[in-house]
């Protein structure tokens, strides 16, 4: 959340500065950077919406909550980067190759580039230290800010070359390179968000942690299967198929079973005992599994949904 706030603040600031220089100086690279910052601002606003929507708890209509909305808005944001950021920037750069307009470059151009570099760099560091595996929101901010820092360098080199050589095409090439950079970032983020929307498997370290917790439970004799998926970066859903230690269940019922056994006189009594025992063991297994699920959630709070099935 803090990474998104820092990114929005930084991008709004540098967008206004870059746009002012682009309009007054006519630099294609600086205009590309202004579009870049605008795209980042709008996309991070979408990420902000996604974070808030993903915090809505379970309901009758959505029993597991809306955690995956974070990835939906992340996907929309990535598409925005691709079409608005990359598309517009590359188009403007290509048009700049044929415009024959030499940009006006003053000391304010370099001041804005320096301020942009500092603002984007700070935002990048905030996102870097907040990054967690599976958090596509912070990953988006991290990649966008990294691209922004690199974009400032590209713009600076392009403007410098245009100024020193008098060749306007350097400025247009800078715009195209910034656009290509945005396109690559967008494709990576689209791929990442799609993976989590399609129920990506949780990290191996977490799955092993769950497996160890299950193996320590006395009633679990063997683990047949574990399926664990990401709901949000902070929450996961698990379904485990386990073999129950029947001996321990029966041992707890030993005294009761002995008394009932002694009362069996006929085959009819035996059938009645079997029916009663089947009902009882079903309830006991269900109760024990409910207890195991609560125990697992208490030990591993990131498990928001636990489903243990006897094999």
Foldseek 3Di string as FASTA:
>chain_A
DVLLVLLLVLLVVLLVLLVVLCVVFVFLLSVLLSQLSVLSNVLSVLLVVQVVQLPACADPVRRHGNVLSSLVSLLVSLVSLLCRNLVVLQVSLVVQLPPLDQTDDDVSVVVSLVSSLVSLVVSLVVLVVVDDPQALSSVLSNLSSVLSNVLSVLQVVLNVCCVVVVNSNSSSVSSNVSSVSSNVSSVVSNVSSVCQVVFHFDDPVVVVVLVVLQVPDPQFPAWDDKTKTDSHSQAIEIETETATDVVVVCVVCVVVVVVLVVVDDDVVSVVVVVVVVVVVVVVVVVVVVVVSQVVSCVVPVRYSHYHYHYD
